[in-house]
Amino acid sequence: MTRKTLGFFVFLFALSALPFAAHAQDDRAADRAAIRAHIDSIFLYPKPNHKPATFTVLNFQVDDIETAVDQLRQKGVSFEQYEGEIKTDQKGIHRDGGPTIAWFKDPAGNILSVLQAQ
């Protein structure tokens, strides 16, 4: 098992702490799709010469972003700090103009987020 593969296992363990949103919502916006389902397993595989995305590739919708950020930090997840239009607070949470959201990177460098359910 490579170090990067081990990193993904640790990362998935940290994500298992998330209190995912459990309510139903009708998302019919043409520019996005929402999938709400109980997930029993996730299959990941490496890609040679991977280049991390420079934008958010996956949002995890949660009922309480404070709890989600605290639980992920306790598992070793570091949150991104931004200035300007998407300025984040000391916990890494953006609270002004748009959804309440906190960004972090997976072990391959892709940008993911926890997003507070509205």
PDB file of N, CA and C in Angstrom:
ATOM      1  N   MET A   1       0.857  -1.175   0.000  1.00  0.00           N
ATOM      2  CA  MET A   1       0.000   0.000   0.000  1.00  0.00           C
ATOM      3  C   MET A   1       0.902   1.237   0.000  1.00  0.00           C
ATOM      4  N   THR A   2       0.675   2.134  -0.935  1.00  0.00           N
ATOM      5  CA  THR A   2       1.484   3.342  -1.020  1.00  0.00           C
ATOM      6  C   THR A   2       1.051   4.352   0.038  1.00  0.00           C
ATOM      7  N   ARG A   3       1.899   5.331   0.271  1.00  0.00           N
ATOM      8  CA  ARG A   3       1.590   6.374   1.241  1.00  0.00           C
ATOM      9  C   ARG A   3       0.341   7.164   0.813  1.00  0.00           C
ATOM     10  N   LYS A   4       0.209   7.449  -0.497  1.00  0.00           N
ATOM     11  CA  LYS A   4      -0.952   8.190  -0.994  1.00  0.00           C
ATOM     12  C   LYS A   4      -2.229   7.375  -0.794  1.00  0.00           C
ATOM     13  N   THR A   5      -2.168   6.051  -1.054  1.00  0.00           N
ATOM     14  CA  THR A   5      -3.333   5.190  -0.834  1.00  0.00           C
ATOM     15  C   THR A   5      -3.710   5.187   0.636  1.00  0.00           C
ATOM     16  N   LEU A   6      -2.730   5.075   1.514  1.00  0.00           N
ATOM     17  CA  LEU A   6      -2.988   5.131   2.940  1.00  0.00           C
ATOM     18  C   LEU A   6      -3.604   6.471   3.316  1.00  0.00           C
ATOM     19  N   GLY A   7      -3.132   7.551   2.676  1.00  0.00           N
ATOM     20  CA  GLY A   7      -3.694   8.877   2.914  1.00  0.00           C
ATOM     21  C   GLY A   7      -5.177   8.938   2.584  1.00  0.00           C
ATOM     22  N   PHE A   8      -5.586   8.276   1.507  1.00  0.00           N
ATOM     23  CA  PHE A   8      -7.010   8.248   1.146  1.00  0.00           C
ATOM     24  C   PHE A   8      -7.823   7.488   2.182  1.00  0.00           C
ATOM     25  N   PHE A   9      -7.290   6.381   2.715  1.00  0.00           N
ATOM     26  CA  PHE A   9      -8.020   5.645   3.746  1.00  0.00           C
ATOM     27  C   PHE A   9      -8.214   6.502   4.988  1.00  0.00           C
ATOM     28  N   VAL A  10      -7.172   7.196   5.396  1.00  0.00           N
ATOM     29  CA  VAL A  10      -7.263   8.093   6.551  1.00  0.00           C
ATOM     30  C   VAL A  10      -8.267   9.202   6.263  1.00  0.00           C
ATOM     31  N   PHE A  11      -8.214   9.755   5.050  1.00  0.00           N
ATOM     32  CA  PHE A  11      -9.123  10.818   4.647  1.00  0.00           C
ATOM     33  C   PHE A  11     -10.575  10.348   4.669  1.00  0.00           C
ATOM     34  N   LEU A  12     -10.846   9.162   4.126  1.00  0.00           N
ATOM     35  CA  LEU A  12     -12.215   8.633   4.132  1.00  0.00           C
ATOM     36  C   LEU A  12     -12.694   8.370   5.553  1.00  0.00           C
ATOM     37  N   PHE A  13     -11.792   7.940   6.431  1.00  0.00           N
ATOM     38  CA  PHE A  13     -12.152   7.759   7.831  1.00  0.00           C
ATOM     39  C   PHE A  13     -12.575   9.097   8.443  1.00  0.00           C
ATOM     40  N   ALA A  14     -11.834  10.162   8.125  1.00  0.00           N
ATOM     41  CA  ALA A  14     -12.187  11.493   8.639  1.00  0.00           C
ATOM     42  C   ALA A  14     -13.543  11.921   8.107  1.00  0.00           C
ATOM     43  N   LEU A  15     -13.817  11.686   6.822  1.00  0.00           N
ATOM     44  CA  LEU A  15     -15.103  12.065   6.244  1.00  0.00           C
ATOM     45  C   LEU A  15     -16.261  11.300   6.869  1.00  0.00           C
ATOM     46  N   SER A  16     -15.989  10.113   7.378  1.00  0.00           N
ATOM     47  CA  SER A  16     -17.061   9.328   7.994  1.00  0.00           C
ATOM     48  C   SER A  16     -17.625  10.020   9.235  1.00  0.00           C
ATOM     49  N   ALA A  17     -16.907  11.019   9.752  1.00  0.00           N
ATOM     50  CA  ALA A  17     -17.370  11.760  10.924  1.00  0.00           C
ATOM     51  C   ALA A  17     -18.405  12.818  10.581  1.00  0.00           C
ATOM     52  N   LEU A  18     -18.568  13.121   9.293  1.00  0.00           N
ATOM     53  CA  LEU A  18     -19.471  14.199   8.910  1.00  0.00           C
ATOM     54  C   LEU A  18     -20.926  13.897   9.235  1.00  0.00           C
ATOM     55  N   PRO A  19     -21.617  14.858   9.832  1.00  0.00           N
ATOM     56  CA  PRO A  19     -23.060  14.704  10.063  1.00  0.00           C
ATOM     57  C   PRO A  19     -23.817  15.158   8.820  1.00  0.00           C
ATOM     58  N   PHE A  20     -23.920  14.292   7.819  1.00  0.00           N
ATOM     59  CA  PHE A  20     -24.537  14.653   6.547  1.00  0.00           C
ATOM     60  C   PHE A  20     -25.978  15.107   6.723  1.00  0.00           C
ATOM     61  N   ALA A  21     -26.392  16.037   5.877  1.00  0.00           N
ATOM     62  CA  ALA A  21     -27.772  16.522   5.887  1.00  0.00           C
ATOM     63  C   ALA A  21     -28.707  15.356   5.587  1.00  0.00           C
ATOM     64  N   ALA A  22     -29.793  15.270   6.324  1.00  0.00           N
ATOM     65  CA  ALA A  22     -30.690  14.132   6.182  1.00  0.00           C
ATOM     66  C   ALA A  22     -32.067  14.533   5.675  1.00  0.00           C
ATOM     67  N   HIS A  23     -32.245  15.770   5.278  1.00  0.00           N
ATOM     68  CA  HIS A  23     -33.564  16.209   4.821  1.00  0.00           C
ATOM     69  C   HIS A  23     -33.663  16.149   3.299  1.00  0.00           C
ATOM     70  N   ALA A  24     -34.876  16.048   2.823  1.00  0.00           N
ATOM     71  CA  ALA A  24     -35.108  16.005   1.381  1.00  0.00           C
ATOM     72  C   ALA A  24     -35.218  17.425   0.851  1.00  0.00           C
ATOM     73  N   GLN A  25     -34.769  17.630  -0.356  1.00  0.00           N
ATOM     74  CA  GLN A  25     -34.831  18.945  -0.981  1.00  0.00           C
ATOM     75  C   GLN A  25     -34.974  18.749  -2.477  1.00  0.00           C
ATOM     76  N   ASP A  26     -35.771  19.577  -3.105  1.00  0.00           N
ATOM     77  CA  ASP A  26     -35.975  19.484  -4.541  1.00  0.00           C
ATOM     78  C   ASP A  26     -35.010  20.436  -5.230  1.00  0.00           C
ATOM     79  N   ASP A  27     -33.959  19.909  -5.826  1.00  0.00           N
ATOM     80  CA  ASP A  27     -32.973  20.719  -6.536  1.00  0.00           C
ATOM     81  C   ASP A  27     -33.174  20.508  -8.031  1.00  0.00           C
ATOM     82  N   ARG A  28     -33.798  21.446  -8.690  1.00  0.00           N
ATOM     83  CA  ARG A  28     -34.031  21.305 -10.129  1.00  0.00           C
ATOM     84  C   ARG A  28     -33.326  22.386 -10.930  1.00  0.00           C
ATOM     85  N   ALA A  29     -32.353  23.043 -10.313  1.00  0.00           N
ATOM     86  CA  ALA A  29     -31.604  24.075 -11.031  1.00  0.00           C
ATOM     87  C   ALA A  29     -30.864  23.435 -12.198  1.00  0.00           C
ATOM     88  N   ALA A  30     -30.877  24.094 -13.319  1.00  0.00           N
ATOM     89  CA  ALA A  30     -30.258  23.552 -14.534  1.00  0.00           C
ATOM     90  C   ALA A  30     -28.744  23.420 -14.404  1.00  0.00           C
ATOM     91  N   ASP A  31     -28.130  24.206 -13.508  1.00  0.00           N
ATOM     92  CA  ASP A  31     -26.673  24.204 -13.423  1.00  0.00           C
ATOM     93  C   ASP A  31     -26.116  23.275 -12.356  1.00  0.00           C
ATOM     94  N   ARG A  32     -26.966  22.496 -11.692  1.00  0.00           N
ATOM     95  CA  ARG A  32     -26.441  21.585 -10.679  1.00  0.00           C
ATOM     96  C   ARG A  32     -27.399  20.420 -10.477  1.00  0.00           C
ATOM     97  N   ALA A  33     -26.871  19.400  -9.900  1.00  0.00           N
ATOM     98  CA  ALA A  33     -27.683  18.236  -9.567  1.00  0.00           C
ATOM     99  C   ALA A  33     -27.336  17.835  -8.147  1.00  0.00           C
ATOM    100  N   ALA A  34     -28.310  17.428  -7.399  1.00  0.00           N
ATOM    101  CA  ALA A  34     -28.076  16.984  -6.031  1.00  0.00           C
ATOM    102  C   ALA A  34     -28.473  15.521  -5.919  1.00  0.00           C
ATOM    103  N   ILE A  35     -27.628  14.748  -5.316  1.00  0.00           N
ATOM    104  CA  ILE A  35     -27.910  13.341  -5.084  1.00  0.00           C
ATOM    105  C   ILE A  35     -27.911  13.135  -3.583  1.00  0.00           C
ATOM    106  N   ARG A  36     -29.011  12.624  -3.071  1.00  0.00           N
ATOM    107  CA  ARG A  36     -29.108  12.335  -1.652  1.00  0.00           C
ATOM    108  C   ARG A  36     -29.392  10.850  -1.502  1.00  0.00           C
ATOM    109  N   ALA A  37     -28.423  10.155  -0.948  1.00  0.00           N
ATOM    110  CA  ALA A  37     -28.583   8.714  -0.806  1.00  0.00           C
ATOM    111  C   ALA A  37     -27.708   8.234   0.336  1.00  0.00           C
ATOM    112  N   HIS A  38     -28.095   7.117   0.919  1.00  0.00           N
ATOM    113  CA  HIS A  38     -27.252   6.462   1.913  1.00  0.00           C
ATOM    114  C   HIS A  38     -26.152   5.745   1.141  1.00  0.00           C
ATOM    115  N   ILE A  39     -24.913   5.982   1.492  1.00  0.00           N
ATOM    116  CA  ILE A  39     -23.787   5.398   0.764  1.00  0.00           C
ATOM    117  C   ILE A  39     -23.162   4.308   1.620  1.00  0.00           C
ATOM    118  N   ASP A  40     -23.130   3.088   1.092  1.00  0.00           N
ATOM    119  CA  ASP A  40     -22.519   1.967   1.801  1.00  0.00           C
ATOM    120  C   ASP A  40     -21.030   1.869   1.524  1.00  0.00           C
ATOM    121  N   SER A  41     -20.605   2.275   0.335  1.00  0.00           N
ATOM    122  CA  SER A  41     -19.190   2.201   0.004  1.00  0.00           C
ATOM    123  C   SER A  41     -18.858   3.201  -1.093  1.00  0.00           C
ATOM    124  N   ILE A  42     -17.579   3.559  -1.148  1.00  0.00           N
ATOM    125  CA  ILE A  42     -17.064   4.446  -2.179  1.00  0.00           C
ATOM    126  C   ILE A  42     -15.844   3.769  -2.783  1.00  0.00           C
ATOM    127  N   PHE A  43     -15.765   3.766  -4.096  1.00  0.00           N
ATOM    128  CA  PHE A  43     -14.629   3.158  -4.795  1.00  0.00           C
ATOM    129  C   PHE A  43     -13.774   4.269  -5.389  1.00  0.00           C
ATOM    130  N   LEU A  44     -12.503   4.316  -5.009  1.00  0.00           N
ATOM    131  CA  LEU A  44     -11.559   5.293  -5.539  1.00  0.00           C
ATOM    132  C   LEU A  44     -10.398   4.560  -6.191  1.00  0.00           C
ATOM    133  N   TYR A  45      -9.835   5.173  -7.200  1.00  0.00           N
ATOM    134  CA  TYR A  45      -8.672   4.575  -7.831  1.00  0.00           C
ATOM    135  C   TYR A  45      -7.710   5.689  -8.244  1.00  0.00           C
ATOM    136  N   PRO A  46      -6.405   5.379  -8.273  1.00  0.00           N
ATOM    137  CA  PRO A  46      -5.414   6.401  -8.643  1.00  0.00           C
ATOM    138  C   PRO A  46      -5.404   6.653 -10.146  1.00  0.00           C
ATOM    139  N   LYS A  47      -4.964   7.817 -10.530  1.00  0.00           N
ATOM    140  CA  LYS A  47      -4.819   8.174 -11.945  1.00  0.00           C
ATOM    141  C   LYS A  47      -3.373   8.638 -12.145  1.00  0.00           C
ATOM    142  N   PRO A  48      -2.663   8.010 -13.055  1.00  0.00           N
ATOM    143  CA  PRO A  48      -1.289   8.458 -13.317  1.00  0.00           C
ATOM    144  C   PRO A  48      -1.282   9.916 -13.792  1.00  0.00           C
ATOM    145  N   ASN A  49      -0.299  10.668 -13.372  1.00  0.00           N
ATOM    146  CA  ASN A  49      -0.127  12.063 -13.779  1.00  0.00           C
ATOM    147  C   ASN A  49      -1.318  12.953 -13.419  1.00  0.00           C
ATOM    148  N   HIS A  50      -1.954  12.651 -12.308  1.00  0.00           N
ATOM    149  CA  HIS A  50      -3.109  13.437 -11.857  1.00  0.00           C
ATOM    150  C   HIS A  50      -2.716  14.888 -11.603  1.00  0.00           C
ATOM    151  N   LYS A  51      -3.561  15.803 -12.017  1.00  0.00           N
ATOM    152  CA  LYS A  51      -3.404  17.226 -11.708  1.00  0.00           C
ATOM    153  C   LYS A  51      -4.638  17.648 -10.910  1.00  0.00           C
ATOM    154  N   PRO A  52      -4.440  18.149  -9.676  1.00  0.00           N
ATOM    155  CA  PRO A  52      -5.582  18.527  -8.840  1.00  0.00           C
ATOM    156  C   PRO A  52      -6.435  19.628  -9.485  1.00  0.00           C
ATOM    157  N   ALA A  53      -7.717  19.565  -9.235  1.00  0.00           N
ATOM    158  CA  ALA A  53      -8.631  20.595  -9.721  1.00  0.00           C
ATOM    159  C   ALA A  53      -8.369  21.900  -8.974  1.00  0.00           C
ATOM    160  N   THR A  54      -8.586  23.021  -9.634  1.00  0.00           N
ATOM    161  CA  THR A  54      -8.382  24.336  -9.018  1.00  0.00           C
ATOM    162  C   THR A  54      -9.706  24.960  -8.603  1.00  0.00           C
ATOM    163  N   PHE A  55     -10.752  24.158  -8.539  1.00  0.00           N
ATOM    164  CA  PHE A  55     -12.090  24.601  -8.167  1.00  0.00           C
ATOM    165  C   PHE A  55     -12.702  23.513  -7.290  1.00  0.00           C
ATOM    166  N   THR A  56     -13.814  23.797  -6.657  1.00  0.00           N
ATOM    167  CA  THR A  56     -14.477  22.814  -5.796  1.00  0.00           C
ATOM    168  C   THR A  56     -15.057  21.694  -6.652  1.00  0.00           C
ATOM    169  N   VAL A  57     -14.632  20.464  -6.393  1.00  0.00           N
ATOM    170  CA  VAL A  57     -15.107  19.330  -7.184  1.00  0.00           C
ATOM    171  C   VAL A  57     -16.206  18.535  -6.490  1.00  0.00           C
ATOM    172  N   LEU A  58     -16.349  18.712  -5.170  1.00  0.00           N
ATOM    173  CA  LEU A  58     -17.344  17.951  -4.437  1.00  0.00           C
ATOM    174  C   LEU A  58     -17.734  18.711  -3.178  1.00  0.00           C
ATOM    175  N   ASN A  59     -19.040  18.892  -2.979  1.00  0.00           N
ATOM    176  CA  ASN A  59     -19.570  19.541  -1.777  1.00  0.00           C
ATOM    177  C   ASN A  59     -20.286  18.503  -0.929  1.00  0.00           C
ATOM    178  N   PHE A  60     -20.007  18.489   0.370  1.00  0.00           N
ATOM    179  CA  PHE A  60     -20.724  17.639   1.308  1.00  0.00           C
ATOM    180  C   PHE A  60     -21.693  18.531   2.068  1.00  0.00           C
ATOM    181  N   GLN A  61     -22.987  18.360   1.839  1.00  0.00           N
ATOM    182  CA  GLN A  61     -23.983  19.195   2.500  1.00  0.00           C
ATOM    183  C   GLN A  61     -24.216  18.659   3.913  1.00  0.00           C
ATOM    184  N   VAL A  62     -24.130  19.555   4.891  1.00  0.00           N
ATOM    185  CA  VAL A  62     -24.293  19.191   6.301  1.00  0.00           C
ATOM    186  C   VAL A  62     -25.325  20.102   6.947  1.00  0.00           C
ATOM    187  N   ASP A  63     -25.944  19.624   8.013  1.00  0.00           N
ATOM    188  CA  ASP A  63     -26.924  20.425   8.737  1.00  0.00           C
ATOM    189  C   ASP A  63     -26.266  21.494   9.607  1.00  0.00           C
ATOM    190  N   ASP A  64     -25.076  21.197  10.135  1.00  0.00           N
ATOM    191  CA  ASP A  64     -24.394  22.101  11.062  1.00  0.00           C
ATOM    192  C   ASP A  64     -22.922  22.189  10.681  1.00  0.00           C
ATOM    193  N   ILE A  65     -22.547  23.260  10.005  1.00  0.00           N
ATOM    194  CA  ILE A  65     -21.175  23.388   9.511  1.00  0.00           C
ATOM    195  C   ILE A  65     -20.159  23.520  10.648  1.00  0.00           C
ATOM    196  N   GLU A  66     -20.547  24.161  11.741  1.00  0.00           N
ATOM    197  CA  GLU A  66     -19.633  24.287  12.890  1.00  0.00           C
ATOM    198  C   GLU A  66     -19.229  22.906  13.398  1.00  0.00           C
ATOM    199  N   THR A  67     -20.215  22.035  13.576  1.00  0.00           N
ATOM    200  CA  THR A  67     -19.949  20.676  14.057  1.00  0.00           C
ATOM    201  C   THR A  67     -19.117  19.908  13.038  1.00  0.00           C
ATOM    202  N   ALA A  68     -19.462  20.015  11.753  1.00  0.00           N
ATOM    203  CA  ALA A  68     -18.728  19.299  10.709  1.00  0.00           C
ATOM    204  C   ALA A  68     -17.263  19.722  10.676  1.00  0.00           C
ATOM    205  N   VAL A  69     -17.007  21.032  10.716  1.00  0.00           N
ATOM    206  CA  VAL A  69     -15.631  21.536  10.687  1.00  0.00           C
ATOM    207  C   VAL A  69     -14.879  21.067  11.931  1.00  0.00           C
ATOM    208  N   ASP A  70     -15.503  21.163  13.100  1.00  0.00           N
ATOM    209  CA  ASP A  70     -14.844  20.727  14.341  1.00  0.00           C
ATOM    210  C   ASP A  70     -14.505  19.241  14.295  1.00  0.00           C
ATOM    211  N   GLN A  71     -15.447  18.413  13.829  1.00  0.00           N
ATOM    212  CA  GLN A  71     -15.200  16.970  13.772  1.00  0.00           C
ATOM    213  C   GLN A  71     -14.110  16.618  12.767  1.00  0.00           C
ATOM    214  N   LEU A  72     -14.108  17.279  11.638  1.00  0.00           N
ATOM    215  CA  LEU A  72     -13.069  17.003  10.644  1.00  0.00           C
ATOM    216  C   LEU A  72     -11.699  17.473  11.121  1.00  0.00           C
ATOM    217  N   ARG A  73     -11.642  18.623  11.778  1.00  0.00           N
ATOM    218  CA  ARG A  73     -10.367  19.104  12.339  1.00  0.00           C
ATOM    219  C   ARG A  73      -9.816  18.103  13.359  1.00  0.00           C
ATOM    220  N   GLN A  74     -10.715  17.562  14.198  1.00  0.00           N
ATOM    221  CA  GLN A  74     -10.290  16.571  15.195  1.00  0.00           C
ATOM    222  C   GLN A  74      -9.704  15.326  14.541  1.00  0.00           C
ATOM    223  N   LYS A  75     -10.117  15.048  13.300  1.00  0.00           N
ATOM    224  CA  LYS A  75      -9.597  13.892  12.555  1.00  0.00           C
ATOM    225  C   LYS A  75      -8.375  14.259  11.719  1.00  0.00           C
ATOM    226  N   GLY A  76      -7.938  15.521  11.778  1.00  0.00           N
ATOM    227  CA  GLY A  76      -6.720  15.923  11.079  1.00  0.00           C
ATOM    228  C   GLY A  76      -6.910  16.637   9.749  1.00  0.00           C
ATOM    229  N   VAL A  77      -8.153  16.975   9.377  1.00  0.00           N
ATOM    230  CA  VAL A  77      -8.396  17.695   8.130  1.00  0.00           C
ATOM    231  C   VAL A  77      -8.079  19.168   8.345  1.00  0.00           C
ATOM    232  N   SER A  78      -7.320  19.769   7.428  1.00  0.00           N
ATOM    233  CA  SER A  78      -6.989  21.195   7.483  1.00  0.00           C
ATOM    234  C   SER A  78      -7.877  21.949   6.501  1.00  0.00           C
ATOM    235  N   PHE A  79      -8.393  23.081   6.929  1.00  0.00           N
ATOM    236  CA  PHE A  79      -9.266  23.883   6.077  1.00  0.00           C
ATOM    237  C   PHE A  79      -8.492  25.023   5.449  1.00  0.00           C
ATOM    238  N   GLU A  80      -8.875  25.352   4.212  1.00  0.00           N
ATOM    239  CA  GLU A  80      -8.229  26.410   3.453  1.00  0.00           C
ATOM    240  C   GLU A  80      -8.577  27.768   4.046  1.00  0.00           C
ATOM    241  N   GLN A  81      -7.663  28.708   3.914  1.00  0.00           N
ATOM    242  CA  GLN A  81      -7.879  30.085   4.346  1.00  0.00           C
ATOM    243  C   GLN A  81      -7.842  30.972   3.105  1.00  0.00           C
ATOM    244  N   TYR A  82      -8.892  31.753   2.914  1.00  0.00           N
ATOM    245  CA  TYR A  82      -8.979  32.630   1.756  1.00  0.00           C
ATOM    246  C   TYR A  82      -9.203  34.070   2.193  1.00  0.00           C
ATOM    247  N   GLU A  83      -8.783  34.993   1.357  1.00  0.00           N
ATOM    248  CA  GLU A  83      -9.000  36.428   1.538  1.00  0.00           C
ATOM    249  C   GLU A  83      -9.894  36.918   0.414  1.00  0.00           C
ATOM    250  N   GLY A  84     -10.269  38.183   0.471  1.00  0.00           N
ATOM    251  CA  GLY A  84     -11.036  38.786  -0.618  1.00  0.00           C
ATOM    252  C   GLY A  84     -12.492  38.390  -0.617  1.00  0.00           C
ATOM    253  N   GLU A  85     -13.021  38.161  -1.813  1.00  0.00           N
ATOM    254  CA  GLU A  85     -14.443  37.896  -2.004  1.00  0.00           C
ATOM    255  C   GLU A  85     -14.947  36.663  -1.255  1.00  0.00           C
ATOM    256  N   ILE A  86     -14.086  35.668  -1.084  1.00  0.00           N
ATOM    257  CA  ILE A  86     -14.501  34.459  -0.373  1.00  0.00           C
ATOM    258  C   ILE A  86     -13.741  34.309   0.956  1.00  0.00           C
ATOM    259  N   LYS A  87     -13.492  35.426   1.613  1.00  0.00           N
ATOM    260  CA  LYS A  87     -12.749  35.451   2.871  1.00  0.00           C
ATOM    261  C   LYS A  87     -13.333  34.458   3.876  1.00  0.00           C
ATOM    262  N   THR A  88     -12.439  33.728   4.516  1.00  0.00           N
ATOM    263  CA  THR A  88     -12.838  32.766   5.537  1.00  0.00           C
ATOM    264  C   THR A  88     -12.415  33.259   6.912  1.00  0.00           C
ATOM    265  N   ASP A  89     -13.096  32.774   7.938  1.00  0.00           N
ATOM    266  CA  ASP A  89     -12.736  33.138   9.310  1.00  0.00           C
ATOM    267  C   ASP A  89     -11.604  32.233   9.810  1.00  0.00           C
ATOM    268  N   GLN A  90     -11.278  32.323  11.093  1.00  0.00           N
ATOM    269  CA  GLN A  90     -10.150  31.568  11.638  1.00  0.00           C
ATOM    270  C   GLN A  90     -10.361  30.059  11.556  1.00  0.00           C
ATOM    271  N   LYS A  91     -11.620  29.607  11.481  1.00  0.00           N
ATOM    272  CA  LYS A  91     -11.904  28.173  11.349  1.00  0.00           C
ATOM    273  C   LYS A  91     -11.887  27.725   9.890  1.00  0.00           C
ATOM    274  N   GLY A  92     -11.818  28.684   8.956  1.00  0.00           N
ATOM    275  CA  GLY A  92     -11.842  28.347   7.544  1.00  0.00           C
ATOM    276  C   GLY A  92     -13.242  28.365   6.952  1.00  0.00           C
ATOM    277  N   ILE A  93     -14.177  29.020   7.631  1.00  0.00           N
ATOM    278  CA  ILE A  93     -15.567  29.065   7.172  1.00  0.00           C
ATOM    279  C   ILE A  93     -15.863  30.416   6.526  1.00  0.00           C
ATOM    280  N   HIS A  94     -16.424  30.373   5.316  1.00  0.00           N
ATOM    281  CA  HIS A  94     -16.888  31.578   4.612  1.00  0.00           C
ATOM    282  C   HIS A  94     -18.350  31.778   4.986  1.00  0.00           C
ATOM    283  N   ARG A  95     -18.681  32.975   5.487  1.00  0.00           N
ATOM    284  CA  ARG A  95     -20.025  33.215   6.012  1.00  0.00           C
ATOM    285  C   ARG A  95     -20.764  34.354   5.323  1.00  0.00           C
ATOM    286  N   ASP A  96     -20.121  35.107   4.472  1.00  0.00           N
ATOM    287  CA  ASP A  96     -20.744  36.291   3.866  1.00  0.00           C
ATOM    288  C   ASP A  96     -20.907  36.124   2.362  1.00  0.00           C
ATOM    289  N   GLY A  97     -22.104  36.419   1.864  1.00  0.00           N
ATOM    290  CA  GLY A  97     -22.337  36.400   0.421  1.00  0.00           C
ATOM    291  C   GLY A  97     -22.328  35.003  -0.157  1.00  0.00           C
ATOM    292  N   GLY A  98     -23.448  34.334  -0.094  1.00  0.00           N
ATOM    293  CA  GLY A  98     -23.548  32.977  -0.615  1.00  0.00           C
ATOM    294  C   GLY A  98     -23.704  31.990   0.517  1.00  0.00           C
ATOM    295  N   PRO A  99     -23.539  30.721   0.206  1.00  0.00           N
ATOM    296  CA  PRO A  99     -23.734  29.712   1.248  1.00  0.00           C
ATOM    297  C   PRO A  99     -22.622  29.741   2.287  1.00  0.00           C
ATOM    298  N   THR A 100     -22.929  29.249   3.476  1.00  0.00           N
ATOM    299  CA  THR A 100     -21.905  29.072   4.507  1.00  0.00           C
ATOM    300  C   THR A 100     -21.143  27.805   4.128  1.00  0.00           C
ATOM    301  N   ILE A 101     -19.825  27.968   3.906  1.00  0.00           N
ATOM    302  CA  ILE A 101     -19.041  26.887   3.296  1.00  0.00           C
ATOM    303  C   ILE A 101     -17.612  26.908   3.837  1.00  0.00           C
ATOM    304  N   ALA A 102     -17.003  25.739   3.912  1.00  0.00           N
ATOM    305  CA  ALA A 102     -15.597  25.625   4.314  1.00  0.00           C
ATOM    306  C   ALA A 102     -14.911  24.660   3.353  1.00  0.00           C
ATOM    307  N   TRP A 103     -13.790  25.082   2.792  1.00  0.00           N
ATOM    308  CA  TRP A 103     -13.075  24.296   1.794  1.00  0.00           C
ATOM    309  C   TRP A 103     -11.884  23.580   2.399  1.00  0.00           C
ATOM    310  N   PHE A 104     -11.597  22.391   1.873  1.00  0.00           N
ATOM    311  CA  PHE A 104     -10.424  21.620   2.269  1.00  0.00           C
ATOM    312  C   PHE A 104      -9.971  20.797   1.075  1.00  0.00           C
ATOM    313  N   LYS A 105      -8.781  20.229   1.163  1.00  0.00           N
ATOM    314  CA  LYS A 105      -8.243  19.446   0.048  1.00  0.00           C
ATOM    315  C   LYS A 105      -8.179  17.967   0.417  1.00  0.00           C
ATOM    316  N   ASP A 106      -8.419  17.124  -0.593  1.00  0.00           N
ATOM    317  CA  ASP A 106      -8.235  15.691  -0.397  1.00  0.00           C
ATOM    318  C   ASP A 106      -6.743  15.379  -0.531  1.00  0.00           C
ATOM    319  N   PRO A 107      -6.323  14.140  -0.256  1.00  0.00           N
ATOM    320  CA  PRO A 107      -4.884  13.827  -0.325  1.00  0.00           C
ATOM    321  C   PRO A 107      -4.257  14.047  -1.702  1.00  0.00           C
ATOM    322  N   ALA A 108      -5.065  14.096  -2.767  1.00  0.00           N
ATOM    323  CA  ALA A 108      -4.531  14.344  -4.112  1.00  0.00           C
ATOM    324  C   ALA A 108      -4.515  15.827  -4.457  1.00  0.00           C
ATOM    325  N   GLY A 109      -4.999  16.697  -3.537  1.00  0.00           N
ATOM    326  CA  GLY A 109      -4.963  18.135  -3.757  1.00  0.00           C
ATOM    327  C   GLY A 109      -6.217  18.734  -4.364  1.00  0.00           C
ATOM    328  N   ASN A 110      -7.251  17.923  -4.618  1.00  0.00           N
ATOM    329  CA  ASN A 110      -8.513  18.456  -5.128  1.00  0.00           C
ATOM    330  C   ASN A 110      -9.248  19.230  -4.044  1.00  0.00           C
ATOM    331  N   ILE A 111      -9.991  20.243  -4.433  1.00  0.00           N
ATOM    332  CA  ILE A 111     -10.707  21.072  -3.462  1.00  0.00           C
ATOM    333  C   ILE A 111     -12.117  20.509  -3.243  1.00  0.00           C
ATOM    334  N   LEU A 112     -12.418  20.241  -1.977  1.00  0.00           N
ATOM    335  CA  LEU A 112     -13.717  19.751  -1.540  1.00  0.00           C
ATOM    336  C   LEU A 112     -14.283  20.754  -0.539  1.00  0.00           C
ATOM    337  N   SER A 113     -15.557  20.602  -0.184  1.00  0.00           N
ATOM    338  CA  SER A 113     -16.105  21.506   0.828  1.00  0.00           C
ATOM    339  C   SER A 113     -17.187  20.841   1.654  1.00  0.00           C
ATOM    340  N   VAL A 114     -17.419  21.423   2.833  1.00  0.00           N
ATOM    341  CA  VAL A 114     -18.638  21.165   3.581  1.00  0.00           C
ATOM    342  C   VAL A 114     -19.477  22.409   3.418  1.00  0.00           C
ATOM    343  N   LEU A 115     -20.752  22.221   3.166  1.00  0.00           N
ATOM    344  CA  LEU A 115     -21.676  23.289   2.822  1.00  0.00           C
ATOM    345  C   LEU A 115     -22.894  23.176   3.719  1.00  0.00           C
ATOM    346  N   GLN A 116     -23.222  24.267   4.433  1.00  0.00           N
ATOM    347  CA  GLN A 116     -24.364  24.223   5.348  1.00  0.00           C
ATOM    348  C   GLN A 116     -25.674  24.150   4.576  1.00  0.00           C
ATOM    349  N   ALA A 117     -26.527  23.188   4.964  1.00  0.00           N
ATOM    350  CA  ALA A 117     -27.857  23.071   4.365  1.00  0.00           C
ATOM    351  C   ALA A 117     -28.638  24.334   4.664  1.00  0.00           C
ATOM    352  N   GLN A 118     -29.383  24.821   3.678  1.00  0.00           N
ATOM    353  CA  GLN A 118     -30.140  26.066   3.841  1.00  0.00           C
ATOM    354  C   GLN A 118     -31.460  25.816   4.513  1.00  0.00           C
TER     355      GLN A 118
END
